[in-house]
C-alpha atoms as a PDB file:
ATOM      1  CA  MET A   1     -23.363  34.556  -4.174  1.00  0.00           C
ATOM      2  CA  ALA A   2     -26.341  32.228  -4.254  1.00  0.00           C
ATOM      3  CA  ALA A   3     -26.036  29.038  -6.269  1.00  0.00           C
ATOM      4  CA  PRO A   4     -28.168  29.002  -9.436  1.00  0.00           C
ATOM      5  CA  ALA A   5     -31.550  27.639  -8.436  1.00  0.00           C
ATOM      6  CA  THR A   6     -32.497  26.247 -11.843  1.00  0.00           C
ATOM      7  CA  GLN A   7     -29.466  24.127 -12.805  1.00  0.00           C
ATOM      8  CA  HIS A   8     -30.034  21.276 -10.363  1.00  0.00           C
ATOM      9  CA  THR A   9     -33.605  21.740  -9.101  1.00  0.00           C
ATOM     10  CA  GLN A  10     -37.196  21.775 -10.246  1.00  0.00           C
ATOM     11  CA  THR A  11     -39.946  23.667  -8.435  1.00  0.00           C
ATOM     12  CA  LEU A  12     -43.507  22.351  -8.580  1.00  0.00           C
ATOM     13  CA  LYS A  13     -46.041  24.879  -7.317  1.00  0.00           C
ATOM     14  CA  GLU A  14     -49.670  24.438  -6.339  1.00  0.00           C
ATOM     15  CA  SER A  15     -52.142  26.738  -8.110  1.00  0.00           C
ATOM     16  CA  HIS A  16     -52.694  28.982  -5.077  1.00  0.00           C
ATOM     17  CA  TRP A  17     -48.963  29.773  -4.723  1.00  0.00           C
ATOM     18  CA  THR A  18     -48.039  32.758  -6.897  1.00  0.00           C
ATOM     19  CA  VAL A  19     -44.671  34.333  -7.639  1.00  0.00           C
ATOM     20  CA  THR A  20     -46.184  37.777  -7.136  1.00  0.00           C
ATOM     21  CA  GLY A  21     -47.098  37.138  -3.512  1.00  0.00           C
ATOM     22  CA  HIS A  22     -44.567  34.534  -2.458  1.00  0.00           C
ATOM     23  CA  GLY A  23     -41.620  34.678  -4.845  1.00  0.00           C
ATOM     24  CA  ARG A  24     -39.064  35.635  -2.226  1.00  0.00           C
ATOM     25  CA  ILE A  25     -39.712  32.581  -0.060  1.00  0.00           C
ATOM     26  CA  THR A  26     -39.691  30.340  -3.131  1.00  0.00           C
ATOM     27  CA  ALA A  27     -36.330  31.710  -4.258  1.00  0.00           C
ATOM     28  CA  MET A  28     -34.802  31.190  -0.806  1.00  0.00           C
ATOM     29  CA  CYS A  29     -35.915  27.552  -0.807  1.00  0.00           C
ATOM     30  CA  GLU A  30     -34.596  26.965  -4.330  1.00  0.00           C
ATOM     31  CA  GLU A  31     -31.232  28.445  -3.377  1.00  0.00           C
ATOM     32  CA  ALA A  32     -31.040  26.260  -0.255  1.00  0.00           C
ATOM     33  CA  VAL A  33     -31.655  23.035  -2.187  1.00  0.00           C
ATOM     34  CA  ALA A  34     -29.323  23.994  -5.044  1.00  0.00           C
ATOM     35  CA  ALA A  35     -26.516  24.803  -2.600  1.00  0.00           C
ATOM     36  CA  THR A  36     -26.926  21.625  -0.479  1.00  0.00           C
ATOM     37  CA  PRO A  37     -26.624  18.315  -2.362  1.00  0.00           C
ATOM     38  CA  ALA A  38     -27.572  16.449   0.833  1.00  0.00           C
ATOM     39  CA  VAL A  39     -31.127  17.804   0.496  1.00  0.00           C
ATOM     40  CA  ARG A  40     -33.087  15.707  -1.998  1.00  0.00           C
ATOM     41  CA  SER A  41     -36.251  17.809  -1.690  1.00  0.00           C
ATOM     42  CA  LEU A  42     -37.805  20.684   0.239  1.00  0.00           C
ATOM     43  CA  CYS A  43     -41.528  21.365   0.708  1.00  0.00           C
ATOM     44  CA  HIS A  44     -43.393  24.413   1.998  1.00  0.00           C
ATOM     45  CA  TYR A  45     -46.805  24.260   3.685  1.00  0.00           C
ATOM     46  CA  SER A  46     -49.302  26.906   4.790  1.00  0.00           C
ATOM     47  CA  ASN A  47     -51.867  25.881   7.411  1.00  0.00           C
ATOM     48  CA  GLY A  48     -51.201  22.238   6.604  1.00  0.00           C
ATOM     49  CA  ILE A  49     -51.624  22.650   2.830  1.00  0.00           C
ATOM     50  CA  LEU A  50     -48.748  22.041   0.405  1.00  0.00           C
ATOM     51  CA  ASP A  51     -47.641  25.216  -1.406  1.00  0.00           C
ATOM     52  CA  PHE A  52     -44.681  23.989  -3.450  1.00  0.00           C
ATOM     53  CA  ALA A  53     -41.938  21.374  -3.617  1.00  0.00           C
ATOM     54  CA  VAL A  54     -38.344  21.907  -4.747  1.00  0.00           C
ATOM     55  CA  LEU A  55     -36.840  18.689  -6.111  1.00  0.00           C
ATOM     56  CA  ARG A  56     -33.261  17.823  -7.031  1.00  0.00           C
ATOM     57  CA  LEU A  57     -33.157  16.705 -10.650  1.00  0.00           C
ATOM     58  CA  ASP A  58     -30.477  14.061 -10.028  1.00  0.00           C
ATOM     59  CA  ARG A  59     -32.563  11.994  -7.576  1.00  0.00           C
ATOM     60  CA  ALA A  60     -34.915   9.146  -8.371  1.00  0.00           C
ATOM     61  CA  PRO A  61     -38.549   9.669  -7.339  1.00  0.00           C
ATOM     62  CA  LEU A  62     -39.823   8.185  -4.118  1.00  0.00           C
ATOM     63  CA  SER A  63     -41.215   4.680  -4.326  1.00  0.00           C
ATOM     64  CA  SER A  64     -44.470   4.457  -6.285  1.00  0.00           C
ATOM     65  CA  LEU A  65     -45.601   1.853  -3.767  1.00  0.00           C
ATOM     66  CA  VAL A  66     -46.147   4.517  -1.137  1.00  0.00           C
ATOM     67  CA  THR A  67     -47.023   7.561  -3.210  1.00  0.00           C
ATOM     68  CA  GLU A  68     -49.651   8.715  -5.677  1.00  0.00           C
ATOM     69  CA  ALA A  69     -48.874   8.048  -9.323  1.00  0.00           C
ATOM     70  CA  GLY A  70     -48.673  11.111 -11.542  1.00  0.00           C
ATOM     71  CA  ASP A  71     -48.336  13.775  -8.881  1.00  0.00           C
ATOM     72  CA  GLU A  72     -44.636  14.395  -8.264  1.00  0.00           C
ATOM     73  CA  ALA A  73     -45.121  17.332  -5.892  1.00  0.00           C
ATOM     74  CA  ARG A  74     -47.499  15.476  -3.580  1.00  0.00           C
ATOM     75  CA  ASN A  75     -45.385  12.332  -3.829  1.00  0.00           C
ATOM     76  CA  GLU A  76     -42.291  14.164  -2.629  1.00  0.00           C
ATOM     77  CA  ALA A  77     -44.329  16.048  -0.017  1.00  0.00           C
ATOM     78  CA  LEU A  78     -45.772  12.905   1.577  1.00  0.00           C
ATOM     79  CA  PRO A  79     -43.037  12.485   4.243  1.00  0.00           C
ATOM     80  CA  GLY A  80     -43.253  16.177   5.171  1.00  0.00           C
ATOM     81  CA  SER A  81     -47.047  16.066   5.338  1.00  0.00           C
ATOM     82  CA  ARG A  82     -46.896  13.129   7.723  1.00  0.00           C
ATOM     83  CA  LEU A  83     -44.180  14.793   9.788  1.00  0.00           C
ATOM     84  CA  LEU A  84     -46.271  17.971  10.053  1.00  0.00           C
ATOM     85  CA  LEU A  85     -49.130  15.994  11.652  1.00  0.00           C
ATOM     86  CA  SER A  86     -46.735  14.233  14.038  1.00  0.00           C
ATOM     87  CA  ALA A  87     -45.127  17.542  14.988  1.00  0.00           C
ATOM     88  CA  GLN A  88     -48.536  18.986  15.829  1.00  0.00           C
ATOM     89  CA  ASP A  89     -49.218  16.065  18.190  1.00  0.00           C
ATOM     90  CA  LEU A  90     -45.757  16.182  19.765  1.00  0.00           C
ATOM     91  CA  GLY A  91     -46.019  19.933  20.199  1.00  0.00           C
ATOM     92  CA  GLY A  92     -49.163  19.391  22.235  1.00  0.00           C
ATOM     93  CA  VAL A  93     -47.382  16.838  24.416  1.00  0.00           C
ATOM     94  CA  LEU A  94     -44.410  19.150  25.049  1.00  0.00           C
ATOM     95  CA  ARG A  95     -46.358  22.384  25.571  1.00  0.00           C
ATOM     96  CA  PRO A  96     -47.288  21.724  29.251  1.00  0.00           C
ATOM     97  CA  LEU A  97     -43.562  21.529  30.080  1.00  0.00           C
ATOM     98  CA  GLY A  98     -43.403  25.305  29.743  1.00  0.00           C
ATOM     99  CA  THR A  99     -40.458  25.309  27.336  1.00  0.00           C
ATOM    100  CA  GLY A 100     -42.365  26.885  24.454  1.00  0.00           C
ATOM    101  CA  GLU A 101     -43.541  25.681  21.075  1.00  0.00           C
ATOM    102  CA  LEU A 102     -41.975  22.863  19.072  1.00  0.00           C
ATOM    103  CA  MET A 103     -39.937  24.606  16.353  1.00  0.00           C
ATOM    104  CA  ARG A 104     -37.890  21.842  14.714  1.00  0.00           C
ATOM    105  CA  THR A 105     -38.151  18.074  14.390  1.00  0.00           C
ATOM    106  CA  VAL A 106     -35.381  15.863  13.007  1.00  0.00           C
ATOM    107  CA  VAL A 107     -35.963  12.153  12.350  1.00  0.00           C
ATOM    108  CA  VAL A 108     -33.140   9.850  11.228  1.00  0.00           C
ATOM    109  CA  ASN A 109     -32.860   6.188  10.393  1.00  0.00           C
ATOM    110  CA  GLN A 110     -30.179   4.144   8.660  1.00  0.00           C
ATOM    111  CA  ARG A 111     -31.601   4.925   5.214  1.00  0.00           C
ATOM    112  CA  GLY A 112     -32.288   8.673   5.394  1.00  0.00           C
ATOM    113  CA  GLY A 113     -33.397  11.746   7.274  1.00  0.00           C
ATOM    114  CA  LEU A 114     -36.422  13.991   7.580  1.00  0.00           C
ATOM    115  CA  TRP A 115     -36.449  17.598   8.822  1.00  0.00           C
ATOM    116  CA  GLY A 116     -39.478  19.691   9.713  1.00  0.00           C
ATOM    117  CA  GLY A 117     -39.770  23.140  11.240  1.00  0.00           C
ATOM    118  CA  ARG A 118     -41.996  26.162  11.487  1.00  0.00           C
ATOM    119  CA  ALA A 119     -41.038  29.614  10.289  1.00  0.00           C
ATOM    120  CA  ARG A 120     -44.022  31.051  12.149  1.00  0.00           C
ATOM    121  CA  PRO A 121     -47.432  29.699  13.227  1.00  0.00           C
ATOM    122  CA  GLY A 122     -49.090  28.102  10.207  1.00  0.00           C
ATOM    123  CA  GLU A 123     -45.928  28.104   8.045  1.00  0.00           C
ATOM    124  CA  PHE A 124     -44.057  24.790   7.967  1.00  0.00           C
ATOM    125  CA  LEU A 125     -41.064  23.617   5.937  1.00  0.00           C
ATOM    126  CA  ALA A 126     -39.892  20.028   5.481  1.00  0.00           C
ATOM    127  CA  ALA A 127     -36.803  18.525   3.847  1.00  0.00           C
ATOM    128  CA  THR A 128     -35.536  15.025   3.130  1.00  0.00           C
ATOM    129  CA  ALA A 129     -32.064  13.480   2.854  1.00  0.00           C
ATOM    130  CA  ASP A 130     -31.375  10.170   1.128  1.00  0.00           C
ATOM    131  CA  GLY A 131     -28.900   8.931   3.730  1.00  0.00           C
ATOM    132  CA  PRO A 132     -27.997   9.571   7.381  1.00  0.00           C
ATOM    133  CA  ASP A 133     -24.628  11.034   6.393  1.00  0.00           C
ATOM    134  CA  GLY A 134     -26.419  13.916   4.700  1.00  0.00           C
ATOM    135  CA  VAL A 135     -28.554  14.823   7.714  1.00  0.00           C
ATOM    136  CA  PRO A 136     -26.061  17.228   9.386  1.00  0.00           C
ATOM    137  CA  ALA A 137     -25.743  19.316   6.197  1.00  0.00           C
ATOM    138  CA  MET A 138     -29.521  19.248   5.668  1.00  0.00           C
ATOM    139  CA  ASP A 139     -30.081  20.267   9.280  1.00  0.00           C
ATOM    140  CA  THR A 140     -27.655  23.185   9.037  1.00  0.00           C
ATOM    141  CA  THR A 141     -29.161  24.409   5.764  1.00  0.00           C
ATOM    142  CA  MET A 142     -32.750  24.210   6.992  1.00  0.00           C
ATOM    143  CA  ASN A 143     -31.980  25.938  10.285  1.00  0.00           C
ATOM    144  CA  ARG A 144     -30.364  28.811   8.394  1.00  0.00           C
ATOM    145  CA  LEU A 145     -33.176  28.911   5.844  1.00  0.00           C
ATOM    146  CA  VAL A 146     -35.866  29.268   8.497  1.00  0.00           C
ATOM    147  CA  ALA A 147     -33.831  31.979  10.218  1.00  0.00           C
ATOM    148  CA  ARG A 148     -33.661  33.866   6.886  1.00  0.00           C
ATOM    149  CA  VAL A 149     -37.387  33.506   6.239  1.00  0.00           C
ATOM    150  CA  ARG A 150     -38.183  34.747   9.726  1.00  0.00           C
ATOM    151  CA  THR A 151     -35.795  37.693   9.752  1.00  0.00           C
ATOM    152  CA  GLU A 152     -35.764  38.808   6.097  1.00  0.00           C
ATOM    153  CA  VAL A 153     -39.351  38.083   5.084  1.00  0.00           C
ATOM    154  CA  HIS A 154     -41.426  38.257   8.261  1.00  0.00           C
ATOM    155  CA  SER A 155     -39.264  40.689  10.306  1.00  0.00           C
ATOM    156  CA  LEU A 156     -39.263  38.258  13.236  1.00  0.00           C
ATOM    157  CA  PRO A 157     -36.314  37.371  15.499  1.00  0.00           C
ATOM    158  CA  ASP A 158     -34.080  34.373  14.883  1.00  0.00           C
ATOM    159  CA  GLU A 159     -35.156  31.590  17.264  1.00  0.00           C
ATOM    160  CA  LEU A 160     -31.769  29.793  17.045  1.00  0.00           C
ATOM    161  CA  LEU A 161     -32.988  26.501  15.616  1.00  0.00           C
ATOM    162  CA  GLY A 162     -30.300  23.949  16.378  1.00  0.00           C
ATOM    163  CA  GLY A 163     -28.718  26.180  19.005  1.00  0.00           C
ATOM    164  CA  ASP A 164     -26.062  28.863  18.882  1.00  0.00           C
ATOM    165  CA  THR A 165     -22.867  27.662  17.229  1.00  0.00           C
ATOM    166  CA  GLY A 166     -20.987  30.427  19.019  1.00  0.00           C
ATOM    167  CA  ALA A 167     -22.067  29.367  22.509  1.00  0.00           C
ATOM    168  CA  ALA A 168     -19.433  27.693  24.648  1.00  0.00           C
ATOM    169  CA  PRO A 169     -20.240  24.056  25.523  1.00  0.00           C
ATOM    170  CA  HIS A 170     -19.613  22.446  28.866  1.00  0.00           C
ATOM    171  CA  PRO A 171     -15.828  22.489  29.296  1.00  0.00           C
ATOM    172  CA  ASP A 172     -13.681  19.418  28.833  1.00  0.00           C
ATOM    173  CA  GLY A 173     -11.596  18.198  31.713  1.00  0.00           C
ATOM    174  CA  PRO A 174     -12.631  17.069  35.192  1.00  0.00           C
ATOM    175  CA  ARG A 175     -16.374  17.298  34.656  1.00  0.00           C
ATOM    176  CA  PRO A 176     -17.536  16.275  38.165  1.00  0.00           C
ATOM    177  CA  GLN A 177     -15.995  19.470  39.565  1.00  0.00           C
ATOM    178  CA  ALA A 178     -17.576  21.493  36.756  1.00  0.00           C
ATOM    179  CA  VAL A 179     -21.069  20.601  37.981  1.00  0.00           C
ATOM    180  CA  ALA A 180     -20.397  21.472  41.615  1.00  0.00           C
ATOM    181  CA  ASP A 181     -23.464  23.730  41.867  1.00  0.00           C
ATOM    182  CA  GLY A 182     -25.758  20.805  41.085  1.00  0.00           C
ATOM    183  CA  SER A 183     -24.201  17.348  40.793  1.00  0.00           C
ATOM    184  CA  PRO A 184     -26.634  15.066  38.989  1.00  0.00           C
ATOM    185  CA  ARG A 185     -29.354  13.467  41.040  1.00  0.00           C
ATOM    186  CA  ILE A 186     -29.220   9.866  39.807  1.00  0.00           C
ATOM    187  CA  ASP A 187     -31.906   7.188  40.205  1.00  0.00           C
ATOM    188  CA  PHE A 188     -32.140   3.606  38.985  1.00  0.00           C
ATOM    189  CA  GLY A 189     -35.195   1.925  37.531  1.00  0.00           C
ATOM    190  CA  THR A 190     -36.480  -1.620  37.650  1.00  0.00           C
ATOM    191  CA  ALA A 191     -34.398  -2.619  34.612  1.00  0.00           C
ATOM    192  CA  ALA A 192     -31.118  -1.807  36.389  1.00  0.00           C
ATOM    193  CA  ALA A 193     -28.835  -4.676  37.379  1.00  0.00           C
ATOM    194  CA  ALA A 194     -28.594  -5.438  41.084  1.00  0.00           C
ATOM    195  CA  ASP A 195     -24.862  -4.850  41.161  1.00  0.00           C
ATOM    196  CA  THR A 196     -23.179  -2.172  43.288  1.00  0.00           C
ATOM    197  CA  ALA A 197     -20.127  -1.922  41.011  1.00  0.00           C
ATOM    198  CA  TYR A 198     -22.374  -1.568  37.952  1.00  0.00           C
ATOM    199  CA  GLU A 199     -24.393   1.207  39.622  1.00  0.00           C
ATOM    200  CA  GLN A 200     -21.191   3.073  40.450  1.00  0.00           C
ATOM    201  CA  ARG A 201     -20.008   2.866  36.846  1.00  0.00           C
ATOM    202  CA  MET A 202     -23.338   4.286  35.688  1.00  0.00           C
ATOM    203  CA  ARG A 203     -23.151   7.091  38.273  1.00  0.00           C
ATOM    204  CA  ASP A 204     -19.670   7.994  37.085  1.00  0.00           C
ATOM    205  CA  LEU A 205     -20.850   8.154  33.476  1.00  0.00           C
ATOM    206  CA  TRP A 206     -23.782  10.436  34.308  1.00  0.00           C
ATOM    207  CA  ARG A 207     -21.537  12.718  36.362  1.00  0.00           C
ATOM    208  CA  GLU A 208     -19.146  12.993  33.411  1.00  0.00           C
ATOM    209  CA  HIS A 209     -21.835  13.959  30.912  1.00  0.00           C
ATOM    210  CA  VAL A 210     -24.884  15.505  32.600  1.00  0.00           C
ATOM    211  CA  ASN A 211     -24.063  19.059  33.634  1.00  0.00           C
ATOM    212  CA  THR A 212     -25.494  22.530  34.223  1.00  0.00           C
ATOM    213  CA  THR A 213     -24.244  23.962  30.914  1.00  0.00           C
ATOM    214  CA  ASP A 214     -25.662  21.822  28.115  1.00  0.00           C
ATOM    215  CA  LEU A 215     -27.047  18.318  28.835  1.00  0.00           C
ATOM    216  CA  HIS A 216     -29.351  18.815  31.834  1.00  0.00           C
ATOM    217  CA  TYR A 217     -31.145  15.435  31.861  1.00  0.00           C
ATOM    218  CA  ALA A 218     -30.456  11.953  30.525  1.00  0.00           C
ATOM    219  CA  ALA A 219     -32.337   8.665  30.932  1.00  0.00           C
ATOM    220  CA  TYR A 220     -31.514   5.186  29.653  1.00  0.00           C
ATOM    221  CA  TYR A 221     -34.197   2.587  28.867  1.00  0.00           C
ATOM    222  CA  GLN A 222     -34.153  -1.083  27.949  1.00  0.00           C
ATOM    223  CA  ASP A 223     -37.289  -2.741  26.603  1.00  0.00           C
ATOM    224  CA  TRP A 224     -39.160   0.501  27.425  1.00  0.00           C
ATOM    225  CA  THR A 225     -38.223   0.138  31.113  1.00  0.00           C
ATOM    226  CA  LEU A 226     -36.051   2.647  32.965  1.00  0.00           C
ATOM    227  CA  VAL A 227     -32.488   1.628  33.767  1.00  0.00           C
ATOM    228  CA  CYS A 228     -30.913   4.911  34.909  1.00  0.00           C
ATOM    229  CA  VAL A 229     -31.874   8.585  34.973  1.00  0.00           C
ATOM    230  CA  GLY A 230     -30.026  11.668  36.168  1.00  0.00           C
ATOM    231  CA  ASP A 231     -30.499  15.418  36.031  1.00  0.00           C
ATOM    232  CA  VAL A 232     -29.200  18.708  37.440  1.00  0.00           C
ATOM    233  CA  PHE A 233     -32.631  20.327  37.708  1.00  0.00           C
ATOM    234  CA  GLU A 234     -32.017  21.265  41.364  1.00  0.00           C
ATOM    235  CA  ALA A 235     -28.893  23.291  40.565  1.00  0.00           C
ATOM    236  CA  HIS A 236     -29.130  26.925  41.724  1.00  0.00           C
ATOM    237  CA  SER A 237     -28.097  28.192  38.289  1.00  0.00           C
ATOM    238  CA  LEU A 238     -31.135  26.505  36.722  1.00  0.00           C
ATOM    239  CA  GLY A 239     -33.601  27.830  39.281  1.00  0.00           C
ATOM    240  CA  PRO A 240     -35.075  30.550  37.001  1.00  0.00           C
ATOM    241  CA  ARG A 241     -36.051  27.871  34.481  1.00  0.00           C
ATOM    242  CA  PHE A 242     -38.476  26.314  36.969  1.00  0.00           C
ATOM    243  CA  LEU A 243     -40.553  29.346  37.900  1.00  0.00           C
ATOM    244  CA  GLY A 244     -43.598  28.064  36.012  1.00  0.00           C
ATOM    245  CA  VAL A 245     -43.064  24.289  36.113  1.00  0.00           C
ATOM    246  CA  SER A 246     -41.620  22.590  39.192  1.00  0.00           C
ATOM    247  CA  VAL A 247     -38.664  20.230  39.143  1.00  0.00           C
ATOM    248  CA  ARG A 248     -40.892  17.342  40.210  1.00  0.00           C
ATOM    249  CA  THR A 249     -43.428  18.072  37.470  1.00  0.00           C
ATOM    250  CA  ARG A 250     -40.698  18.282  34.834  1.00  0.00           C
ATOM    251  CA  ARG A 251     -39.152  14.974  35.922  1.00  0.00           C
ATOM    252  CA  THR A 252     -42.541  13.268  35.826  1.00  0.00           C
ATOM    253  CA  ALA A 253     -43.326  14.752  32.414  1.00  0.00           C
ATOM    254  CA  TYR A 254     -40.139  13.408  30.820  1.00  0.00           C
ATOM    255  CA  ARG A 255     -40.849   9.930  32.176  1.00  0.00           C
ATOM    256  CA  ASP A 256     -44.393  10.181  30.825  1.00  0.00           C
ATOM    257  CA  LEU A 257     -42.968  11.217  27.459  1.00  0.00           C
ATOM    258  CA  SER A 258     -40.781   8.118  27.349  1.00  0.00           C
ATOM    259  CA  ARG A 259     -43.826   5.950  28.062  1.00  0.00           C
ATOM    260  CA  SER A 260     -45.876   7.613  25.323  1.00  0.00           C
ATOM    261  CA  LEU A 261     -43.049   7.405  22.817  1.00  0.00           C
ATOM    262  CA  ARG A 262     -44.242   4.120  21.316  1.00  0.00           C
ATOM    263  CA  GLY A 263     -47.314   5.719  19.796  1.00  0.00           C
ATOM    264  CA  HIS A 264     -45.368   8.647  18.377  1.00  0.00           C
ATOM    265  CA  LEU A 265     -42.663   6.299  17.115  1.00  0.00           C
ATOM    266  CA  VAL A 266     -45.173   4.545  14.860  1.00  0.00           C
ATOM    267  CA  ARG A 267     -46.197   7.818  13.206  1.00  0.00           C
ATOM    268  CA  LEU A 268     -42.649   9.122  12.843  1.00  0.00           C
ATOM    269  CA  THR A 269     -41.509   5.827  11.328  1.00  0.00           C
ATOM    270  CA  ASP A 270     -44.436   6.084   8.923  1.00  0.00           C
ATOM    271  CA  ALA A 271     -43.360   9.625   8.023  1.00  0.00           C
ATOM    272  CA  ILE A 272     -39.788   8.698   7.163  1.00  0.00           C
ATOM    273  CA  GLY A 273     -40.795   5.395   5.554  1.00  0.00           C
ATOM    274  CA  PRO A 274     -40.918   6.684   1.940  1.00  0.00           C
ATOM    275  CA  VAL A 275     -37.435   8.197   2.396  1.00  0.00           C
ATOM    276  CA  GLY A 276     -35.841   5.166   3.974  1.00  0.00           C
ATOM    277  CA  PRO A 277     -37.725   2.117   5.248  1.00  0.00           C
ATOM    278  CA  PRO A 278     -36.187   0.432   8.323  1.00  0.00           C
ATOM    279  CA  VAL A 279     -33.953  -2.594   7.880  1.00  0.00           C
ATOM    280  CA  VAL A 280     -34.744  -5.874   9.634  1.00  0.00           C
ATOM    281  CA  ASP A 281     -33.124  -6.317  13.081  1.00  0.00           C
ATOM    282  CA  ARG A 282     -32.584  -2.584  13.529  1.00  0.00           C
ATOM    283  CA  ALA A 283     -34.493  -0.047  15.600  1.00  0.00           C
ATOM    284  CA  PRO A 284     -37.083   1.675  13.373  1.00  0.00           C
ATOM    285  CA  LEU A 285     -35.353   5.004  13.991  1.00  0.00           C
ATOM    286  CA  ASP A 286     -31.844   5.960  15.028  1.00  0.00           C
ATOM    287  CA  ARG A 287     -32.526   9.440  16.365  1.00  0.00           C
ATOM    288  CA  ILE A 288     -35.203  12.059  17.027  1.00  0.00           C
ATOM    289  CA  VAL A 289     -34.660  15.725  17.905  1.00  0.00           C
ATOM    290  CA  LEU A 290     -37.537  17.831  19.246  1.00  0.00           C
ATOM    291  CA  ASP A 291     -36.258  21.406  19.325  1.00  0.00           C
ATOM    292  CA  VAL A 292     -38.516  23.703  21.370  1.00  0.00           C
ATOM    293  CA  GLN A 293     -38.127  27.430  22.067  1.00  0.00           C
ATOM    294  CA  GLU A 294     -36.231  26.779  25.304  1.00  0.00           C
ATOM    295  CA  GLY A 295     -33.986  23.826  24.618  1.00  0.00           C
ATOM    296  CA  ALA A 296     -34.662  20.420  23.105  1.00  0.00           C
ATOM    297  CA  VAL A 297     -35.563  16.801  23.776  1.00  0.00           C
ATOM    298  CA  TYR A 298     -33.507  14.051  22.124  1.00  0.00           C
ATOM    299  CA  VAL A 299     -34.202  10.345  21.667  1.00  0.00           C
ATOM    300  CA  LEU A 300     -31.253   8.196  20.607  1.00  0.00           C
ATOM    301  CA  TRP A 301     -31.409   4.426  20.057  1.00  0.00           C
ATOM    302  CA  THR A 302     -28.382   2.456  21.217  1.00  0.00           C
ATOM    303  CA  SER A 303     -29.830  -0.898  20.056  1.00  0.00           C
ATOM    304  CA  PRO A 304     -33.173  -2.227  18.776  1.00  0.00           C
ATOM    305  CA  ARG A 305     -34.219  -2.682  22.420  1.00  0.00           C
ATOM    306  CA  SER A 306     -32.664   0.307  24.171  1.00  0.00           C
ATOM    307  CA  PHE A 307     -32.677   4.076  23.862  1.00  0.00           C
ATOM    308  CA  MET A 308     -31.657   7.248  25.652  1.00  0.00           C
ATOM    309  CA  LEU A 309     -33.752  10.346  26.261  1.00  0.00           C
ATOM    310  CA  GLY A 310     -31.866  13.589  26.817  1.00  0.00           C
ATOM    311  CA  VAL A 311     -32.896  17.179  27.550  1.00  0.00           C
ATOM    312  CA  THR A 312     -31.391  20.640  27.506  1.00  0.00           C
ATOM    313  CA  LEU A 313     -33.279  23.685  28.756  1.00  0.00           C
ATOM    314  CA  ASP A 314     -30.938  26.202  27.091  1.00  0.00           C
ATOM    315  CA  GLN A 315     -31.692  27.037  23.455  1.00  0.00           C
ATOM    316  CA  ARG A 316     -28.131  28.209  22.863  1.00  0.00           C
ATOM    317  CA  GLN A 317     -26.826  24.764  23.829  1.00  0.00           C
ATOM    318  CA  VAL A 318     -29.105  22.595  21.668  1.00  0.00           C
ATOM    319  CA  GLY A 319     -26.311  21.447  19.349  1.00  0.00           C
ATOM    320  CA  HIS A 320     -23.809  20.879  22.144  1.00  0.00           C
ATOM    321  CA  ALA A 321     -26.290  18.864  24.243  1.00  0.00           C
ATOM    322  CA  ASP A 322     -27.096  16.711  21.220  1.00  0.00           C
ATOM    323  CA  ARG A 323     -23.433  15.774  20.873  1.00  0.00           C
ATOM    324  CA  ARG A 324     -23.054  15.282  24.640  1.00  0.00           C
ATOM    325  CA  LEU A 325     -25.903  12.755  24.700  1.00  0.00           C
ATOM    326  CA  ALA A 326     -24.321  10.908  21.758  1.00  0.00           C
ATOM    327  CA  GLU A 327     -21.081  10.633  23.772  1.00  0.00           C
ATOM    328  CA  LEU A 328     -22.985   9.196  26.729  1.00  0.00           C
ATOM    329  CA  ALA A 329     -24.885   6.777  24.479  1.00  0.00           C
ATOM    330  CA  ARG A 330     -21.641   5.423  23.071  1.00  0.00           C
ATOM    331  CA  ALA A 331     -20.224   4.904  26.572  1.00  0.00           C
ATOM    332  CA  VAL A 332     -23.221   3.196  28.204  1.00  0.00           C
ATOM    333  CA  PRO A 333     -22.895  -0.233  26.497  1.00  0.00           C
ATOM    334  CA  GLU A 334     -19.291  -0.463  27.681  1.00  0.00           C
ATOM    335  CA  VAL A 335     -20.329  -0.454  31.356  1.00  0.00           C
ATOM    336  CA  MET A 336     -23.416  -2.663  31.045  1.00  0.00           C
ATOM    337  CA  PRO A 337     -23.189  -6.069  32.783  1.00  0.00           C
ATOM    338  CA  GLN A 338     -22.064  -8.779  30.388  1.00  0.00           C
ATOM    339  CA  PRO A 339     -24.379 -11.812  30.062  1.00  0.00           C
ATOM    340  CA  SER A 340     -23.095 -14.915  31.801  1.00  0.00           C
ATOM    341  CA  ARG A 341     -21.807 -17.683  29.537  1.00  0.00           C
END
């Protein structure tokens, strides 16, 4: 039974949004916010224009320093509006990779989270969470909400935002044997330490985490310079995924994406700023997820000066690959060369 949508929320509609034509979508959004305390607000846009905002009544308004006084709906919609523009740009960057349209974008820093996704072309939803701990619940709710809007309102198929929770991840156990049909090809960049033992430790880590089931590519950068990268793109089982875009082109494209990330980072940080401004001596963001129709791209900061970029090409495995990259990110600092005293 749906939670009452009026006890804990307030819906502010623009004049063009009518209950007669759009009441079902509005009700779904109200139910999602009411049932998920982690979501502080949810906004709906059509062709880039705000339609309505659902606000939790127990949350303070966003800072008046970054919003327009007297317009609560547009104030709360500001992060989502900025994210929508960033998602349009990022979608254009990712489109040549041949993995489909950008469906879902998640941005997290130490103060909050921002979610944006499309239900269909021209229809965009955005949600905010006040703290990083609430992002998983917000993400789950918004993924399910978009699936409901697509299937129940628009009679479109579920695109599995966030992956398929029923899909089996890469098995635990002796992982190097599990990737026998395409052991990771591993390269080192100019930021890698000239140390044979260090390189072997990095190789072992990549072989434990990068595999043909979920996490297909992972790269580690320090000061925007490549340290280590590995992928299983040449595995026979992944061959059908490279019919339109070659392995070489895909590898080059992901390196290009890492180089262009600075510009996108500024806009994404600006988008999440009203929700949670970055703290001094921390990376501006902790995590970005770019969920396309065939897989996802992840960016995960391990320190203010280093980050990892991961990729899966399997939409069913989006959630599992996200967790796999987080495991690798936690392990990398432990094998890095220690500075001499």
